[in-house]
Amino acid sequence: MAKRNADPISISQALGEFVEKNKLSKGMDKVDVTAAWYKLNPAFETYTTSIRFDRETLFVNLSSSVFREELSYGKEKIRTMLNEELGREVVKKLILR
């Protein structure tokens, strides 16, 4: 049986401990990266057909080859902006398809 903690803690701290204890951080990173991608630019939502985050690499499928080519020139800046949005270095590589 789990030991009960008598000291009050905040909900965010309790959720953080729960995520850490149950090793859910990879799944949470996937959700956070997807949300951060769509938050960067409204056009991303229009042209993104699918998004997948696996092993510190973000794979983004785009419906427009012109938009993909335009984004490819600023991949490092986009990666930096994603990590700033997340508050830590999560995305190491960005692949646009």
N, C-alpha and C. Protein backbone atom coordinates (compact mmCIF):
# COMPACT_ATOMS: atom_id res chain seq x y z
N MET A 1 0.84 -1.17 0.00
CA MET A 1 0.00 0.00 0.00
C MET A 1 0.88 1.23 0.00
N ALA A 2 0.49 2.23 -0.76
CA ALA A 2 1.27 3.45 -0.89
C ALA A 2 1.19 4.27 0.39
N LYS A 3 2.31 4.92 0.70
CA LYS A 3 2.37 5.76 1.87
C LYS A 3 1.69 7.09 1.58
N ARG A 4 0.89 7.53 2.49
CA ARG A 4 0.15 8.78 2.33
C ARG A 4 1.00 9.94 2.83
N ASN A 5 1.01 11.00 2.05
CA ASN A 5 1.77 12.20 2.39
C ASN A 5 0.81 13.19 3.06
N ALA A 6 1.15 13.61 4.27
CA ALA A 6 0.28 14.51 5.04
C ALA A 6 0.47 15.98 4.65
N ASP A 7 1.59 16.29 4.00
CA ASP A 7 1.86 17.68 3.62
C ASP A 7 1.09 18.04 2.36
N PRO A 8 0.46 19.21 2.34
CA PRO A 8 -0.28 19.62 1.13
C PRO A 8 0.70 20.01 0.02
N ILE A 9 0.36 19.59 -1.22
CA ILE A 9 1.16 19.97 -2.38
C ILE A 9 0.21 20.47 -3.47
N SER A 10 0.74 21.21 -4.40
CA SER A 10 -0.10 21.75 -5.47
C SER A 10 -0.46 20.63 -6.46
N ILE A 11 -1.51 20.86 -7.22
CA ILE A 11 -1.95 19.87 -8.21
C ILE A 11 -0.89 19.68 -9.28
N SER A 12 -0.26 20.77 -9.72
CA SER A 12 0.77 20.65 -10.77
C SER A 12 1.96 19.82 -10.27
N GLN A 13 2.32 19.97 -9.01
CA GLN A 13 3.41 19.18 -8.44
C GLN A 13 3.00 17.72 -8.34
N ALA A 14 1.75 17.46 -7.94
CA ALA A 14 1.26 16.08 -7.83
C ALA A 14 1.21 15.41 -9.20
N LEU A 15 0.74 16.15 -10.21
CA LEU A 15 0.71 15.59 -11.57
C LEU A 15 2.11 15.34 -12.10
N GLY A 16 3.02 16.25 -11.81
CA GLY A 16 4.42 16.07 -12.22
C GLY A 16 5.02 14.82 -11.62
N GLU A 17 4.77 14.59 -10.35
CA GLU A 17 5.26 13.39 -9.68
C GLU A 17 4.62 12.13 -10.26
N PHE A 18 3.33 12.21 -10.59
CA PHE A 18 2.62 11.07 -11.18
C PHE A 18 3.21 10.71 -12.54
N VAL A 19 3.45 11.72 -13.37
CA VAL A 19 4.02 11.50 -14.70
C VAL A 19 5.42 10.89 -14.58
N GLU A 20 6.20 11.42 -13.66
CA GLU A 20 7.57 10.93 -13.47
C GLU A 20 7.57 9.50 -12.93
N LYS A 21 6.73 9.23 -11.95
CA LYS A 21 6.69 7.90 -11.32
C LYS A 21 6.23 6.82 -12.30
N ASN A 22 5.27 7.16 -13.16
CA ASN A 22 4.72 6.18 -14.10
C ASN A 22 5.38 6.23 -15.48
N LYS A 23 6.47 6.98 -15.60
CA LYS A 23 7.25 7.07 -16.84
C LYS A 23 6.38 7.45 -18.04
N LEU A 24 5.63 8.51 -17.88
CA LEU A 24 4.74 9.00 -18.92
C LEU A 24 5.28 10.21 -19.66
N SER A 25 6.52 10.60 -19.39
CA SER A 25 7.05 11.84 -19.97
C SER A 25 7.18 11.77 -21.49
N LYS A 26 7.50 10.61 -22.06
CA LYS A 26 7.60 10.51 -23.52
C LYS A 26 6.25 10.77 -24.17
N GLY A 27 5.20 10.22 -23.64
CA GLY A 27 3.86 10.45 -24.17
C GLY A 27 3.43 11.89 -24.01
N MET A 28 3.77 12.47 -22.89
CA MET A 28 3.43 13.88 -22.66
C MET A 28 4.20 14.77 -23.63
N ASP A 29 5.46 14.41 -23.91
CA ASP A 29 6.25 15.18 -24.88
C ASP A 29 5.60 15.15 -26.26
N LYS A 30 5.07 13.99 -26.65
CA LYS A 30 4.41 13.88 -27.96
C LYS A 30 3.22 14.84 -28.04
N VAL A 31 2.44 14.88 -27.00
CA VAL A 31 1.27 15.77 -26.97
C VAL A 31 1.72 17.23 -26.96
N ASP A 32 2.71 17.55 -26.16
CA ASP A 32 3.19 18.93 -26.05
C ASP A 32 3.81 19.42 -27.35
N VAL A 33 4.59 18.57 -28.03
CA VAL A 33 5.23 18.97 -29.29
C VAL A 33 4.17 19.22 -30.36
N THR A 34 3.16 18.36 -30.43
CA THR A 34 2.10 18.55 -31.42
C THR A 34 1.36 19.86 -31.17
N ALA A 35 1.04 20.14 -29.93
CA ALA A 35 0.35 21.39 -29.60
C ALA A 35 1.22 22.60 -29.92
N ALA A 36 2.51 22.50 -29.63
CA ALA A 36 3.43 23.62 -29.90
C ALA A 36 3.57 23.86 -31.40
N TRP A 37 3.57 22.79 -32.21
CA TRP A 37 3.67 22.93 -33.67
C TRP A 37 2.50 23.76 -34.20
N TYR A 38 1.30 23.40 -33.80
CA TYR A 38 0.13 24.11 -34.29
C TYR A 38 0.02 25.52 -33.74
N LYS A 39 0.61 25.76 -32.59
CA LYS A 39 0.55 27.08 -31.96
C LYS A 39 1.51 28.07 -32.62
N LEU A 40 2.57 27.58 -33.25
CA LEU A 40 3.57 28.46 -33.85
C LEU A 40 3.00 29.34 -34.96
N ASN A 41 2.18 28.74 -35.82
CA ASN A 41 1.68 29.47 -36.98
C ASN A 41 0.35 28.87 -37.42
N PRO A 42 -0.68 29.68 -37.66
CA PRO A 42 -1.97 29.14 -38.11
C PRO A 42 -1.89 28.40 -39.44
N ALA A 43 -0.96 28.77 -40.30
CA ALA A 43 -0.80 28.09 -41.60
C ALA A 43 -0.34 26.65 -41.41
N PHE A 44 0.35 26.35 -40.33
CA PHE A 44 0.80 24.98 -40.08
C PHE A 44 -0.39 24.03 -39.99
N GLU A 45 -1.46 24.50 -39.37
CA GLU A 45 -2.65 23.66 -39.22
C GLU A 45 -3.31 23.40 -40.57
N THR A 46 -3.26 24.38 -41.45
CA THR A 46 -3.89 24.25 -42.77
C THR A 46 -3.17 23.22 -43.63
N TYR A 47 -1.84 23.23 -43.63
CA TYR A 47 -1.07 22.40 -44.54
C TYR A 47 -0.53 21.11 -43.93
N THR A 48 -0.63 20.92 -42.63
CA THR A 48 -0.11 19.71 -42.00
C THR A 48 -1.12 18.57 -42.14
N THR A 49 -0.67 17.46 -42.74
CA THR A 49 -1.55 16.30 -42.88
C THR A 49 -1.34 15.32 -41.73
N SER A 50 -0.10 15.17 -41.27
CA SER A 50 0.16 14.34 -40.09
C SER A 50 1.44 14.80 -39.43
N ILE A 51 1.52 14.49 -38.13
CA ILE A 51 2.68 14.88 -37.34
C ILE A 51 3.00 13.73 -36.40
N ARG A 52 4.31 13.43 -36.29
CA ARG A 52 4.73 12.32 -35.43
C ARG A 52 6.02 12.72 -34.74
N PHE A 53 6.12 12.46 -33.45
CA PHE A 53 7.31 12.75 -32.67
C PHE A 53 7.86 11.44 -32.14
N ASP A 54 9.10 11.12 -32.54
CA ASP A 54 9.70 9.85 -32.14
C ASP A 54 11.20 10.04 -31.96
N ARG A 55 11.71 9.68 -30.80
CA ARG A 55 13.15 9.73 -30.50
C ARG A 55 13.77 11.09 -30.80
N GLU A 56 13.19 12.11 -30.25
CA GLU A 56 13.66 13.49 -30.34
C GLU A 56 13.63 14.05 -31.76
N THR A 57 12.90 13.39 -32.67
CA THR A 57 12.76 13.85 -34.05
C THR A 57 11.29 14.09 -34.34
N LEU A 58 11.00 15.25 -34.92
CA LEU A 58 9.64 15.60 -35.29
C LEU A 58 9.48 15.41 -36.80
N PHE A 59 8.57 14.51 -37.17
CA PHE A 59 8.26 14.23 -38.57
C PHE A 59 6.94 14.93 -38.90
N VAL A 60 6.97 15.80 -39.92
CA VAL A 60 5.77 16.55 -40.30
C VAL A 60 5.50 16.32 -41.77
N ASN A 61 4.32 15.80 -42.08
CA ASN A 61 3.88 15.64 -43.47
C ASN A 61 3.03 16.84 -43.84
N LEU A 62 3.38 17.45 -44.96
CA LEU A 62 2.69 18.65 -45.41
C LEU A 62 2.01 18.39 -46.74
N SER A 63 0.87 19.02 -46.96
CA SER A 63 0.11 18.80 -48.19
C SER A 63 0.60 19.67 -49.35
N SER A 64 1.37 20.69 -49.08
CA SER A 64 1.83 21.61 -50.11
C SER A 64 3.35 21.53 -50.25
N SER A 65 3.81 21.16 -51.45
CA SER A 65 5.25 21.09 -51.68
C SER A 65 5.90 22.47 -51.64
N VAL A 66 5.16 23.48 -52.05
CA VAL A 66 5.68 24.85 -52.02
C VAL A 66 5.88 25.29 -50.57
N PHE A 67 4.91 25.01 -49.72
CA PHE A 67 5.01 25.37 -48.30
C PHE A 67 6.14 24.59 -47.63
N ARG A 68 6.28 23.31 -47.98
CA ARG A 68 7.36 22.48 -47.42
C ARG A 68 8.72 23.06 -47.80
N GLU A 69 8.87 23.46 -49.05
CA GLU A 69 10.14 24.04 -49.51
C GLU A 69 10.43 25.35 -48.78
N GLU A 70 9.41 26.16 -48.59
CA GLU A 70 9.57 27.43 -47.87
C GLU A 70 9.99 27.20 -46.42
N LEU A 71 9.37 26.22 -45.78
CA LEU A 71 9.71 25.92 -44.38
C LEU A 71 11.10 25.29 -44.26
N SER A 72 11.54 24.58 -45.28
CA SER A 72 12.84 23.89 -45.19
C SER A 72 13.99 24.89 -45.03
N TYR A 73 13.81 26.12 -45.51
CA TYR A 73 14.86 27.13 -45.35
C TYR A 73 15.01 27.59 -43.90
N GLY A 74 13.96 27.46 -43.12
CA GLY A 74 14.01 27.92 -41.73
C GLY A 74 13.82 26.80 -40.71
N LYS A 75 14.25 25.59 -41.05
CA LYS A 75 14.04 24.45 -40.14
C LYS A 75 14.68 24.65 -38.77
N GLU A 76 15.89 25.19 -38.74
CA GLU A 76 16.57 25.40 -37.46
C GLU A 76 15.84 26.43 -36.61
N LYS A 77 15.35 27.47 -37.26
CA LYS A 77 14.61 28.51 -36.52
C LYS A 77 13.31 27.93 -35.97
N ILE A 78 12.62 27.12 -36.77
CA ILE A 78 11.37 26.49 -36.32
C ILE A 78 11.65 25.56 -35.14
N ARG A 79 12.73 24.78 -35.24
CA ARG A 79 13.10 23.86 -34.16
C ARG A 79 13.39 24.64 -32.88
N THR A 80 14.11 25.75 -33.01
CA THR A 80 14.41 26.59 -31.85
C THR A 80 13.14 27.18 -31.25
N MET A 81 12.23 27.64 -32.10
CA MET A 81 10.98 28.21 -31.61
C MET A 81 10.12 27.15 -30.91
N LEU A 82 10.12 25.92 -31.43
CA LEU A 82 9.38 24.84 -30.77
C LEU A 82 9.93 24.58 -29.38
N ASN A 83 11.26 24.50 -29.28
CA ASN A 83 11.87 24.23 -27.98
C ASN A 83 11.66 25.38 -27.00
N GLU A 84 11.65 26.61 -27.49
CA GLU A 84 11.35 27.75 -26.63
C GLU A 84 9.91 27.67 -26.12
N GLU A 85 9.00 27.28 -27.00
CA GLU A 85 7.59 27.14 -26.62
C GLU A 85 7.42 26.06 -25.55
N LEU A 86 8.20 24.99 -25.66
CA LEU A 86 8.11 23.89 -24.71
C LEU A 86 8.89 24.16 -23.42
N GLY A 87 9.82 25.10 -23.47
CA GLY A 87 10.58 25.45 -22.28
C GLY A 87 11.78 24.57 -22.01
N ARG A 88 12.09 23.67 -22.92
CA ARG A 88 13.27 22.81 -22.78
C ARG A 88 13.62 22.20 -24.14
N GLU A 89 14.79 21.63 -24.24
CA GLU A 89 15.26 21.04 -25.50
C GLU A 89 14.63 19.66 -25.68
N VAL A 90 13.57 19.60 -26.46
CA VAL A 90 12.84 18.36 -26.71
C VAL A 90 13.07 17.88 -28.14
N VAL A 91 12.91 18.80 -29.09
CA VAL A 91 13.05 18.47 -30.51
C VAL A 91 14.49 18.71 -30.93
N LYS A 92 15.18 17.65 -31.33
CA LYS A 92 16.57 17.76 -31.77
C LYS A 92 16.64 17.86 -33.29
N LYS A 93 15.65 17.28 -33.99
CA LYS A 93 15.69 17.24 -35.45
C LYS A 93 14.27 17.41 -35.99
N LEU A 94 14.14 18.13 -37.10
CA LEU A 94 12.87 18.37 -37.75
C LEU A 94 12.94 17.85 -39.18
N ILE A 95 12.03 16.96 -39.54
CA ILE A 95 11.98 16.41 -40.89
C ILE A 95 10.64 16.77 -41.50
N LEU A 96 10.70 17.47 -42.64
CA LEU A 96 9.50 17.88 -43.35
C LEU A 96 9.32 16.97 -44.56
N ARG A 97 8.13 16.41 -44.72
CA ARG A 97 7.85 15.51 -45.84
C ARG A 97 6.71 16.03 -46.64
